Amino acid sequence: QVQFVESGGGLVQPGGSLRLSCTASRRVFSLYLMGWYRQAPGKQRELVAGISSDGNTDYVDSVKGRFTIYRDNSKNTVYLQMNSLNPEDTAVYYCNAAADLVTLRIGSVKYFWGQGTQVTVSS
């Protein structure tokens, strides 16, 4: 089993930036697609961004041009750079792995979910 530890969340004003990190307990990033998900209160968890083992990326429309997903395989870490944050981005953010883009998008992930990291965008 692989464990993920997400970090980097916090309280930020609208228009601000945060960088989230997700570190895996062992090497998985070169084997699977990695995704950042978020779950806002009262809503279902949704995929925000994904990255393949060869670096191809995919984003939900609402974050395109604002968020960037990238990874460092040597550190078993995937990052989410979030810019121009707005209150609708407020959620708990999680990462996980999936076998392909279809399963990544529907949240059919490989491992148990971690604790996530809270992002709150508010003035």
C-alpha atoms as a PDB file:
ATOM      1  CA  GLN A   1       0.000   0.000   0.000  1.00  0.00           C
ATOM      2  CA  VAL A   2       1.135   3.534  -0.759  1.00  0.00           C
ATOM      3  CA  GLN A   3       0.464   6.465   1.503  1.00  0.00           C
ATOM      4  CA  PHE A   4       0.222  10.036   0.330  1.00  0.00           C
ATOM      5  CA  VAL A   5       1.001  13.072   2.443  1.00  0.00           C
ATOM      6  CA  GLU A   6      -0.426  16.326   1.146  1.00  0.00           C
ATOM      7  CA  SER A   7       0.808  19.687   2.391  1.00  0.00           C
ATOM      8  CA  GLY A   8       1.005  23.353   1.511  1.00  0.00           C
ATOM      9  CA  GLY A   9      -2.566  24.421   2.070  1.00  0.00           C
ATOM     10  CA  GLY A  10      -3.663  27.401   4.092  1.00  0.00           C
ATOM     11  CA  LEU A  11      -5.666  30.586   4.150  1.00  0.00           C
ATOM     12  CA  VAL A  12      -5.059  32.945   1.249  1.00  0.00           C
ATOM     13  CA  GLN A  13      -6.762  36.061  -0.041  1.00  0.00           C
ATOM     14  CA  PRO A  14      -8.490  36.086  -3.418  1.00  0.00           C
ATOM     15  CA  GLY A  15      -5.916  36.511  -6.142  1.00  0.00           C
ATOM     16  CA  GLY A  16      -3.219  34.857  -4.079  1.00  0.00           C
ATOM     17  CA  SER A  17      -1.135  31.761  -4.718  1.00  0.00           C
ATOM     18  CA  LEU A  18      -0.290  28.499  -3.019  1.00  0.00           C
ATOM     19  CA  ARG A  19       1.840  25.516  -3.917  1.00  0.00           C
ATOM     20  CA  LEU A  20       0.637  22.137  -2.771  1.00  0.00           C
ATOM     21  CA  SER A  21       2.896  19.113  -2.418  1.00  0.00           C
ATOM     22  CA  CYS A  22       2.053  15.439  -2.354  1.00  0.00           C
ATOM     23  CA  THR A  23       4.701  12.948  -1.358  1.00  0.00           C
ATOM     24  CA  ALA A  24       4.254   9.211  -1.754  1.00  0.00           C
ATOM     25  CA  SER A  25       5.640   6.657   0.652  1.00  0.00           C
ATOM     26  CA  ARG A  26       7.253   4.838  -2.245  1.00  0.00           C
ATOM     27  CA  ARG A  27       7.915   5.177  -5.926  1.00  0.00           C
ATOM     28  CA  VAL A  28       4.678   5.346  -7.924  1.00  0.00           C
ATOM     29  CA  PHE A  29       4.836   8.437 -10.071  1.00  0.00           C
ATOM     30  CA  SER A  30       6.682   6.822 -12.929  1.00  0.00           C
ATOM     31  CA  LEU A  31       4.211   3.940 -12.929  1.00  0.00           C
ATOM     32  CA  TYR A  32       0.839   5.690 -12.899  1.00  0.00           C
ATOM     33  CA  LEU A  33      -0.913   8.891 -13.723  1.00  0.00           C
ATOM     34  CA  MET A  34      -1.073  11.239 -10.757  1.00  0.00           C
ATOM     35  CA  GLY A  35      -3.946  13.535  -9.994  1.00  0.00           C
ATOM     36  CA  TRP A  36      -4.865  16.347  -7.666  1.00  0.00           C
ATOM     37  CA  TYR A  37      -8.463  16.263  -6.496  1.00  0.00           C
ATOM     38  CA  ARG A  38     -10.503  18.566  -4.323  1.00  0.00           C
ATOM     39  CA  GLN A  39     -13.643  18.273  -2.265  1.00  0.00           C
ATOM     40  CA  ALA A  40     -15.587  21.303  -1.158  1.00  0.00           C
ATOM     41  CA  PRO A  41     -18.154  21.094   1.665  1.00  0.00           C
ATOM     42  CA  GLY A  42     -21.315  19.384   0.480  1.00  0.00           C
ATOM     43  CA  LYS A  43     -19.826  18.509  -2.904  1.00  0.00           C
ATOM     44  CA  GLN A  44     -18.338  15.440  -4.477  1.00  0.00           C
ATOM     45  CA  ARG A  45     -14.618  15.068  -4.872  1.00  0.00           C
ATOM     46  CA  GLU A  46     -13.514  16.201  -8.315  1.00  0.00           C
ATOM     47  CA  LEU A  47     -10.339  15.889 -10.349  1.00  0.00           C
ATOM     48  CA  VAL A  48      -8.551  19.209 -10.670  1.00  0.00           C
ATOM     49  CA  ALA A  49      -5.406  18.261 -12.566  1.00  0.00           C
ATOM     50  CA  GLY A  50      -3.598  15.163 -13.729  1.00  0.00           C
ATOM     51  CA  ILE A  51      -0.170  14.319 -15.048  1.00  0.00           C
ATOM     52  CA  SER A  52       0.997  11.235 -16.889  1.00  0.00           C
ATOM     53  CA  SER A  53       4.253   9.406 -16.415  1.00  0.00           C
ATOM     54  CA  ASP A  54       5.630  11.140 -19.511  1.00  0.00           C
ATOM     55  CA  GLY A  55       4.540  14.595 -18.395  1.00  0.00           C
ATOM     56  CA  ASN A  56       1.284  15.153 -20.268  1.00  0.00           C
ATOM     57  CA  THR A  57      -1.131  17.226 -18.229  1.00  0.00           C
ATOM     58  CA  ASP A  58      -4.898  17.589 -18.004  1.00  0.00           C
ATOM     59  CA  TYR A  59      -6.936  20.207 -16.162  1.00  0.00           C
ATOM     60  CA  VAL A  60     -10.549  20.824 -15.320  1.00  0.00           C
ATOM     61  CA  ASP A  61     -11.808  23.877 -17.199  1.00  0.00           C
ATOM     62  CA  SER A  62     -12.259  25.980 -14.081  1.00  0.00           C
ATOM     63  CA  VAL A  63      -8.522  25.947 -13.282  1.00  0.00           C
ATOM     64  CA  LYS A  64      -6.969  26.077 -16.750  1.00  0.00           C
ATOM     65  CA  GLY A  65      -4.471  28.876 -16.983  1.00  0.00           C
ATOM     66  CA  ARG A  66      -4.326  29.265 -13.195  1.00  0.00           C
ATOM     67  CA  PHE A  67      -3.100  25.904 -11.885  1.00  0.00           C
ATOM     68  CA  THR A  68      -0.035  23.919 -12.929  1.00  0.00           C
ATOM     69  CA  ILE A  69       0.666  20.319 -12.017  1.00  0.00           C
ATOM     70  CA  TYR A  70       4.212  18.997 -12.150  1.00  0.00           C
ATOM     71  CA  ARG A  71       6.215  16.316 -10.443  1.00  0.00           C
ATOM     72  CA  ASP A  72       9.664  15.339  -9.278  1.00  0.00           C
ATOM     73  CA  ASN A  73      10.037  11.580  -9.595  1.00  0.00           C
ATOM     74  CA  SER A  74      13.312  11.589  -7.700  1.00  0.00           C
ATOM     75  CA  LYS A  75      11.468  12.956  -4.658  1.00  0.00           C
ATOM     76  CA  ASN A  76       8.278  10.902  -5.155  1.00  0.00           C
ATOM     77  CA  THR A  77       6.458  14.224  -5.074  1.00  0.00           C
ATOM     78  CA  VAL A  78       3.815  15.854  -7.234  1.00  0.00           C
ATOM     79  CA  TYR A  79       3.044  19.557  -6.944  1.00  0.00           C
ATOM     80  CA  LEU A  80       0.125  21.810  -7.713  1.00  0.00           C
ATOM     81  CA  GLN A  81       0.960  25.463  -8.233  1.00  0.00           C
ATOM     82  CA  MET A  82      -2.227  27.470  -7.780  1.00  0.00           C
ATOM     83  CA  ASN A  83      -2.382  31.091  -8.873  1.00  0.00           C
ATOM     84  CA  SER A  84      -5.190  33.642  -9.040  1.00  0.00           C
ATOM     85  CA  LEU A  85      -7.107  31.772  -6.395  1.00  0.00           C
ATOM     86  CA  ASN A  86     -10.754  32.582  -5.839  1.00  0.00           C
ATOM     87  CA  PRO A  87     -13.261  31.546  -3.145  1.00  0.00           C
ATOM     88  CA  GLU A  88     -14.609  28.764  -5.393  1.00  0.00           C
ATOM     89  CA  ASP A  89     -11.231  27.043  -5.026  1.00  0.00           C
ATOM     90  CA  THR A  90     -11.834  26.542  -1.313  1.00  0.00           C
ATOM     91  CA  ALA A  91     -11.724  22.812  -0.613  1.00  0.00           C
ATOM     92  CA  VAL A  92      -9.672  20.003   0.811  1.00  0.00           C
ATOM     93  CA  TYR A  93      -7.126  18.945  -1.788  1.00  0.00           C
ATOM     94  CA  TYR A  94      -5.957  15.351  -2.206  1.00  0.00           C
ATOM     95  CA  CYS A  95      -3.663  13.454  -4.516  1.00  0.00           C
ATOM     96  CA  ASN A  96      -3.787   9.896  -5.765  1.00  0.00           C
ATOM     97  CA  ALA A  97      -2.743   7.634  -8.619  1.00  0.00           C
ATOM     98  CA  ALA A  98      -4.682   5.941 -11.380  1.00  0.00           C
ATOM     99  CA  ALA A  99      -3.978   3.543 -14.208  1.00  0.00           C
ATOM    100  CA  ASP A 100      -5.193   5.785 -17.020  1.00  0.00           C
ATOM    101  CA  LEU A 101      -6.895   9.098 -17.758  1.00  0.00           C
ATOM    102  CA  VAL A 102     -10.404   7.629 -17.705  1.00  0.00           C
ATOM    103  CA  THR A 103     -10.027   6.159 -14.233  1.00  0.00           C
ATOM    104  CA  LEU A 104      -8.199   9.276 -13.059  1.00  0.00           C
ATOM    105  CA  ARG A 105     -11.106  11.468 -14.169  1.00  0.00           C
ATOM    106  CA  ILE A 106     -13.764   9.340 -12.479  1.00  0.00           C
ATOM    107  CA  GLY A 107     -11.735   8.985  -9.302  1.00  0.00           C
ATOM    108  CA  SER A 108     -11.184   5.244  -9.607  1.00  0.00           C
ATOM    109  CA  VAL A 109      -7.832   5.533  -7.913  1.00  0.00           C
ATOM    110  CA  LYS A 110      -5.211   2.998  -6.924  1.00  0.00           C
ATOM    111  CA  TYR A 111      -4.742   3.744  -3.236  1.00  0.00           C
ATOM    112  CA  PHE A 112      -6.491   4.930  -0.113  1.00  0.00           C
ATOM    113  CA  TRP A 113      -6.973   8.644   0.200  1.00  0.00           C
ATOM    114  CA  GLY A 114      -4.677  10.651   2.443  1.00  0.00           C
ATOM    115  CA  GLN A 115      -5.718  13.340   4.898  1.00  0.00           C
ATOM    116  CA  GLY A 116      -5.610  16.063   2.294  1.00  0.00           C
ATOM    117  CA  THR A 117      -4.663  19.683   2.789  1.00  0.00           C
ATOM    118  CA  GLN A 118      -7.177  22.465   3.382  1.00  0.00           C
ATOM    119  CA  VAL A 119      -7.177  25.439   1.041  1.00  0.00           C
ATOM    120  CA  THR A 120      -9.308  28.383   2.076  1.00  0.00           C
ATOM    121  CA  VAL A 121      -9.613  31.437  -0.150  1.00  0.00           C
ATOM    122  CA  SER A 122     -11.183  34.313   1.676  1.00  0.00           C
ATOM    123  CA  SER A 123     -10.709  38.005   2.328  1.00  0.00           C
END
